[in-house]
Amino acid sequence: MYIQHKSNRNVSVCREGKASHGVCVKNNLLVNFYLLTSLIDMHMKCGIIHYAMRLFEEANDSKDRFLEAMSVFKRMLENLITPNPMTFNGVILACSGVGSLKKRKSVHDFVIRNMVELDVVNYTSILDMYAKCMCVETAYRIFCMMPTKNVVSWTAMINGCAMNDLYSEVISIFDKMTQKSTCVISEKHMPNSITFVSALSACCHCGMVQEGWRIFKSMKDYAISPTEKHYACMIDVLTRAGQYNATLSFISDMPIKPGRNVWEALLSACRGHKKVELNEKIAKLFSLSGEG
């Protein structure tokens, strides 16, 4: 079965590959990490990216899977089987969730010693792995040495800084990402909705109101319509700066109906506020929204 999956390299045989996948599911064979990795490889090559990512998540959702991944990886090396970039990425993703920093670094070291060329997915997974264990400087060095970057790698670096409370660095990296000299090269570098959420959240924690407005308004430059999450982030930016009246005007002018995220952001910021008039305004808006 493993050999059969590995032979499914061409889109023309994706139908046979999917049939093999059905057999694996029916016979509960997806617990085998070799088969799971092969299926991920097949779906990626057939262009079914969303399902490949789902299999990735299922492959690395527990400590047992992490241990199995490392065990299979070790057996591959013992049998002189050269892991491909997809296999390495599966192991890196497994390391991101479980395992000591020493084990994570050992996998990275092996990748460096044995891979002729890392792809953008491998680089992104490695920098994300280091960021999650608070080795942000190492993550940033890897980010800088990447020969090519895409929106996922940029966003991973931004999120890595954010999760380690390096909010000024978040804004700095976001600005580098959105420089015309960067974006004109390829649309792959352009920020997406998730990137803007991370950047706006950083403005909130840093108290950067003007930066927050600049970033929020720049969304239209990338044809991105703000979602409720983006509006909630801007509300956080304004309320943390004490601009409650501006916040209420901002909510009133929203082109979409304020939902739970918006009201929770506002009420959380105003919790314990002593001004009766402001609380009444919030209660009235909340009631009119139909969420109350």
Protein backbone atom coordinates (compact mmCIF):
# COMPACT_ATOMS: atom_id res chain seq x y z
CA MET A 1 0.00 0.00 0.00
CA TYR A 2 2.87 2.37 0.85
CA ILE A 3 4.55 1.71 -2.50
CA GLN A 4 1.23 2.16 -4.27
CA HIS A 5 0.78 5.62 -2.74
CA LYS A 6 4.32 6.66 -3.55
CA SER A 7 3.73 5.78 -7.18
CA ASN A 8 0.75 8.13 -7.40
CA ARG A 9 2.82 11.07 -8.57
CA ASN A 10 0.68 12.28 -11.43
CA VAL A 11 -2.65 14.04 -11.31
CA SER A 12 -3.98 11.49 -13.81
CA VAL A 13 -3.74 8.76 -11.18
CA CYS A 14 -5.28 10.79 -8.36
CA ARG A 15 -8.49 8.80 -8.74
CA GLU A 16 -6.65 5.55 -8.01
CA GLY A 17 -4.86 7.24 -5.13
CA LYS A 18 -8.15 8.39 -3.63
CA ALA A 19 -9.48 4.85 -3.96
CA SER A 20 -6.45 3.62 -2.01
CA HIS A 21 -7.18 6.30 0.59
CA GLY A 22 -10.69 4.90 0.92
CA VAL A 23 -9.26 1.46 1.58
CA CYS A 24 -6.99 2.93 4.28
CA VAL A 25 -9.91 4.63 6.01
CA LYS A 26 -12.12 1.55 5.78
CA ASN A 27 -9.44 -0.68 7.28
CA ASN A 28 -8.27 1.85 9.89
CA LEU A 29 -4.79 2.01 8.38
CA LEU A 30 -4.27 5.74 8.96
CA VAL A 31 -2.68 4.96 12.30
CA ASN A 32 0.36 3.95 10.24
CA PHE A 33 2.55 7.03 9.91
CA TYR A 34 4.13 5.84 6.64
CA LEU A 35 0.70 5.61 5.02
CA LEU A 36 -0.40 8.92 6.49
CA THR A 37 2.69 10.70 5.15
CA SER A 38 2.16 9.11 1.72
CA LEU A 39 -1.46 10.24 1.67
CA ILE A 40 -0.44 13.79 2.55
CA ASP A 41 2.13 13.71 -0.27
CA MET A 42 -0.48 12.41 -2.73
CA HIS A 43 -3.09 15.04 -1.85
CA MET A 44 -0.53 17.85 -2.12
CA LYS A 45 0.54 16.68 -5.58
CA CYS A 46 -3.09 16.37 -6.68
CA GLY A 47 -3.75 19.93 -5.56
CA ILE A 48 -6.11 18.96 -2.72
CA ILE A 49 -4.30 21.21 -0.27
CA HIS A 50 -7.11 21.61 2.28
CA TYR A 51 -7.35 17.86 2.81
CA ALA A 52 -3.58 17.46 3.01
CA MET A 53 -3.56 20.03 5.80
CA ARG A 54 -6.36 18.17 7.57
CA LEU A 55 -4.29 14.99 7.49
CA PHE A 56 -1.31 16.96 8.83
CA GLU A 57 -3.38 18.12 11.79
CA GLU A 58 -4.63 14.60 12.46
CA ALA A 59 -1.07 13.30 12.24
CA ASN A 60 0.19 15.58 14.99
CA ASP A 61 -2.70 15.95 17.42
CA SER A 62 -1.31 14.00 20.36
CA LYS A 63 1.78 12.96 22.23
CA ASP A 64 1.35 9.40 20.99
CA ARG A 65 1.47 10.61 17.38
CA PHE A 66 4.59 12.63 18.15
CA LEU A 67 6.33 9.57 19.57
CA GLU A 68 5.20 7.47 16.62
CA ALA A 69 6.42 10.10 14.18
CA MET A 70 9.85 10.14 15.79
CA SER A 71 9.94 6.33 15.90
CA VAL A 72 9.09 6.04 12.21
CA PHE A 73 11.58 8.77 11.37
CA LYS A 74 14.30 6.87 13.21
CA ARG A 75 13.42 3.59 11.45
CA MET A 76 13.57 5.33 8.07
CA LEU A 77 17.10 6.50 8.80
CA GLU A 78 18.16 3.08 10.08
CA ASN A 79 16.90 1.53 6.83
CA LEU A 80 18.72 4.15 4.76
CA ILE A 81 15.45 5.59 3.47
CA THR A 82 15.98 9.24 2.60
CA PRO A 83 13.06 11.32 3.93
CA ASN A 84 11.58 13.82 1.49
CA PRO A 85 10.68 17.43 2.39
CA MET A 86 7.10 16.39 3.13
CA THR A 87 8.25 13.78 5.65
CA PHE A 88 10.58 16.26 7.30
CA ASN A 89 7.76 18.74 7.56
CA GLY A 90 5.54 16.17 9.25
CA VAL A 91 8.24 15.52 11.85
CA ILE A 92 8.84 19.25 12.35
CA LEU A 93 5.13 19.85 12.87
CA ALA A 94 5.02 17.02 15.38
CA CYS A 95 7.96 18.56 17.25
CA SER A 96 6.19 21.91 17.43
CA GLY A 97 3.49 20.54 19.69
CA VAL A 98 5.34 18.09 21.90
CA GLY A 99 8.89 17.29 22.87
CA SER A 100 11.85 19.00 24.49
CA LEU A 101 13.72 21.88 22.89
CA LYS A 102 16.73 19.57 22.55
CA LYS A 103 14.71 17.10 20.47
CA ARG A 104 13.34 19.89 18.31
CA LYS A 105 16.83 21.23 17.64
CA SER A 106 18.11 17.75 16.83
CA VAL A 107 15.51 17.40 14.08
CA HIS A 108 16.42 20.84 12.73
CA ASP A 109 20.14 19.96 12.80
CA PHE A 110 19.46 16.75 10.90
CA VAL A 111 17.45 18.64 8.29
CA ILE A 112 20.31 21.12 7.79
CA ARG A 113 22.90 18.33 7.46
CA ASN A 114 20.94 16.13 5.09
CA MET A 115 18.61 18.29 3.00
CA VAL A 116 20.03 19.65 -0.23
CA GLU A 117 17.37 22.31 -0.40
CA LEU A 118 14.60 23.30 2.01
CA ASP A 119 11.35 24.60 0.60
CA VAL A 120 9.30 27.50 1.98
CA VAL A 121 7.04 25.09 3.89
CA ASN A 122 10.02 23.51 5.70
CA TYR A 123 11.52 26.88 6.59
CA THR A 124 8.18 28.18 7.86
CA SER A 125 7.58 25.08 9.98
CA ILE A 126 11.05 25.35 11.53
CA LEU A 127 10.75 29.05 12.40
CA ASP A 128 7.28 28.43 13.82
CA MET A 129 8.71 25.58 15.92
CA TYR A 130 11.38 27.85 17.43
CA ALA A 131 8.96 30.73 18.02
CA LYS A 132 6.65 28.43 19.97
CA CYS A 133 9.48 27.49 22.33
CA MET A 134 10.42 31.17 22.84
CA CYS A 135 13.55 31.04 20.67
CA VAL A 136 12.45 34.06 18.66
CA GLU A 137 15.96 35.20 17.71
CA THR A 138 16.64 31.80 16.15
CA ALA A 139 13.26 31.91 14.41
CA TYR A 140 14.07 35.35 12.99
CA ARG A 141 17.50 34.22 11.76
CA ILE A 142 15.82 31.37 9.89
CA PHE A 143 13.24 33.79 8.52
CA CYS A 144 15.96 36.13 7.23
CA MET A 145 17.88 33.31 5.53
CA MET A 146 14.82 32.01 3.64
CA PRO A 147 15.50 32.32 -0.11
CA THR A 148 11.79 32.82 -0.76
CA LYS A 149 8.94 33.85 1.50
CA ASN A 150 5.17 33.75 1.16
CA VAL A 151 2.28 35.18 3.16
CA VAL A 152 2.32 32.11 5.44
CA SER A 153 5.99 32.55 6.38
CA TRP A 154 5.58 36.31 6.94
CA THR A 155 2.49 35.74 9.08
CA ALA A 156 4.19 32.93 11.01
CA MET A 157 7.05 35.29 11.91
CA ILE A 158 4.61 38.03 12.90
CA ASN A 159 2.62 35.61 15.06
CA GLY A 160 5.85 34.27 16.58
CA CYS A 161 6.80 37.75 17.76
CA ALA A 162 3.27 38.42 19.00
CA MET A 163 3.07 35.23 21.09
CA ASN A 164 6.35 36.26 22.75
CA ASP A 165 5.10 39.81 23.49
CA LEU A 166 7.48 41.42 20.99
CA TYR A 167 4.86 43.81 19.69
CA SER A 168 7.17 46.48 18.30
CA GLU A 169 8.85 43.77 16.22
CA VAL A 170 5.42 42.72 14.94
CA ILE A 171 4.83 46.20 13.52
CA SER A 172 8.36 46.34 12.10
CA ILE A 173 8.00 43.01 10.27
CA PHE A 174 4.51 43.93 9.07
CA ASP A 175 5.86 47.18 7.62
CA LYS A 176 8.67 45.31 5.84
CA MET A 177 6.13 42.87 4.44
CA THR A 178 3.94 45.65 3.08
CA GLN A 179 6.71 47.74 1.54
CA LYS A 180 6.08 48.28 -2.15
CA SER A 181 9.50 46.87 -2.98
CA THR A 182 8.43 43.62 -1.31
CA CYS A 183 4.85 43.33 -2.53
CA VAL A 184 5.57 44.25 -6.14
CA ILE A 185 7.64 41.06 -6.54
CA SER A 186 4.78 38.66 -5.94
CA GLU A 187 1.28 38.59 -4.55
CA LYS A 188 2.48 35.75 -2.31
CA HIS A 189 4.00 38.41 -0.05
CA MET A 190 0.83 40.40 0.42
CA PRO A 191 -0.77 40.29 3.89
CA ASN A 192 -4.01 38.42 4.39
CA SER A 193 -6.83 38.76 6.89
CA ILE A 194 -4.93 36.82 9.59
CA THR A 195 -1.84 39.02 9.16
CA PHE A 196 -3.92 42.12 9.83
CA VAL A 197 -5.46 40.62 12.98
CA SER A 198 -1.96 39.97 14.37
CA ALA A 199 -0.72 43.46 13.47
CA LEU A 200 -3.77 45.19 14.97
CA SER A 201 -3.49 43.10 18.15
CA ALA A 202 0.11 44.26 18.49
CA CYS A 203 -1.00 47.90 18.18
CA CYS A 204 -3.47 47.25 20.97
CA HIS A 205 -0.81 45.92 23.35
CA CYS A 206 1.62 48.73 22.47
CA GLY A 207 -0.95 51.51 22.72
CA MET A 208 -0.23 52.54 19.13
CA VAL A 209 -3.46 54.28 18.12
CA GLN A 210 -2.14 56.04 15.02
CA GLU A 211 -0.39 52.88 13.85
CA GLY A 212 -3.61 50.97 14.44
CA TRP A 213 -5.60 53.37 12.28
CA ARG A 214 -2.92 53.27 9.57
CA ILE A 215 -2.91 49.47 9.44
CA PHE A 216 -6.69 49.18 9.64
CA LYS A 217 -7.23 51.67 6.80
CA SER A 218 -4.56 49.99 4.67
CA MET A 219 -6.65 46.82 4.43
CA LYS A 220 -8.50 48.30 1.46
CA ASP A 221 -5.17 48.57 -0.39
CA TYR A 222 -5.13 44.76 -0.47
CA ALA A 223 -8.84 44.37 -1.26
CA ILE A 224 -9.46 42.90 2.20
CA SER A 225 -12.79 43.71 3.82
CA PRO A 226 -12.52 44.03 7.62
CA THR A 227 -14.27 41.27 9.53
CA GLU A 228 -15.69 41.46 13.02
CA LYS A 229 -12.30 40.34 14.39
CA HIS A 230 -10.58 43.33 12.80
CA TYR A 231 -13.20 45.71 14.19
CA ALA A 232 -12.84 44.11 17.63
CA CYS A 233 -9.06 44.65 17.46
CA MET A 234 -9.54 48.34 16.61
CA ILE A 235 -11.98 48.67 19.51
CA ASP A 236 -9.28 47.24 21.78
CA VAL A 237 -6.78 49.75 20.39
CA LEU A 238 -9.10 52.70 21.05
CA THR A 239 -10.45 51.68 24.46
CA ARG A 240 -7.01 50.84 25.86
CA ALA A 241 -6.00 54.36 24.90
CA GLY A 242 -9.04 55.70 26.77
CA GLN A 243 -10.81 56.89 23.60
CA TYR A 244 -14.28 55.64 24.55
CA ASN A 245 -16.30 58.23 22.63
CA ALA A 246 -14.28 57.54 19.49
CA THR A 247 -14.95 53.85 20.07
CA LEU A 248 -18.71 54.36 20.21
CA SER A 249 -18.61 56.42 17.00
CA PHE A 250 -16.48 53.73 15.38
CA ILE A 251 -19.05 51.05 16.27
CA SER A 252 -21.95 53.21 15.06
CA ASP A 253 -20.21 53.70 11.69
CA MET A 254 -19.43 50.01 11.16
CA PRO A 255 -20.77 48.79 7.78
CA ILE A 256 -21.47 45.37 9.30
CA LYS A 257 -23.70 44.55 12.23
CA PRO A 258 -21.68 44.42 15.47
CA GLY A 259 -21.60 40.89 16.83
CA ARG A 260 -20.41 39.13 19.93
CA ASN A 261 -16.70 39.77 19.31
CA VAL A 262 -17.25 43.52 19.10
CA TRP A 263 -19.44 43.75 22.20
CA GLU A 264 -17.18 41.49 24.24
CA ALA A 265 -14.17 43.65 23.31
CA LEU A 266 -16.02 46.81 24.34
CA LEU A 267 -17.54 45.46 27.55
CA SER A 268 -14.24 43.89 28.57
CA ALA A 269 -12.47 47.22 28.16
CA CYS A 270 -15.18 49.11 30.03
CA ARG A 271 -15.54 46.59 32.86
CA GLY A 272 -15.50 48.44 36.14
CA HIS A 273 -15.96 51.82 34.44
CA LYS A 274 -17.66 54.27 36.80
CA LYS A 275 -19.32 56.59 34.26
CA VAL A 276 -23.04 55.87 34.22
CA GLU A 277 -23.59 57.77 30.96
CA LEU A 278 -21.05 55.66 29.07
CA ASN A 279 -22.44 52.44 30.44
CA GLU A 280 -25.93 53.49 29.35
CA LYS A 281 -24.68 54.20 25.83
CA ILE A 282 -23.06 50.80 25.65
CA ALA A 283 -26.19 49.10 26.96
CA LYS A 284 -28.35 50.93 24.41
CA LEU A 285 -26.09 50.00 21.48
CA PHE A 286 -25.89 46.42 22.72
CA SER A 287 -29.70 46.23 22.91
CA LEU A 288 -30.16 47.68 19.43
CA SER A 289 -27.72 45.14 18.01
CA GLY A 290 -30.00 42.27 18.98
CA GLU A 291 -27.14 40.47 20.74
CA GLY A 292 -28.39 41.25 24.24
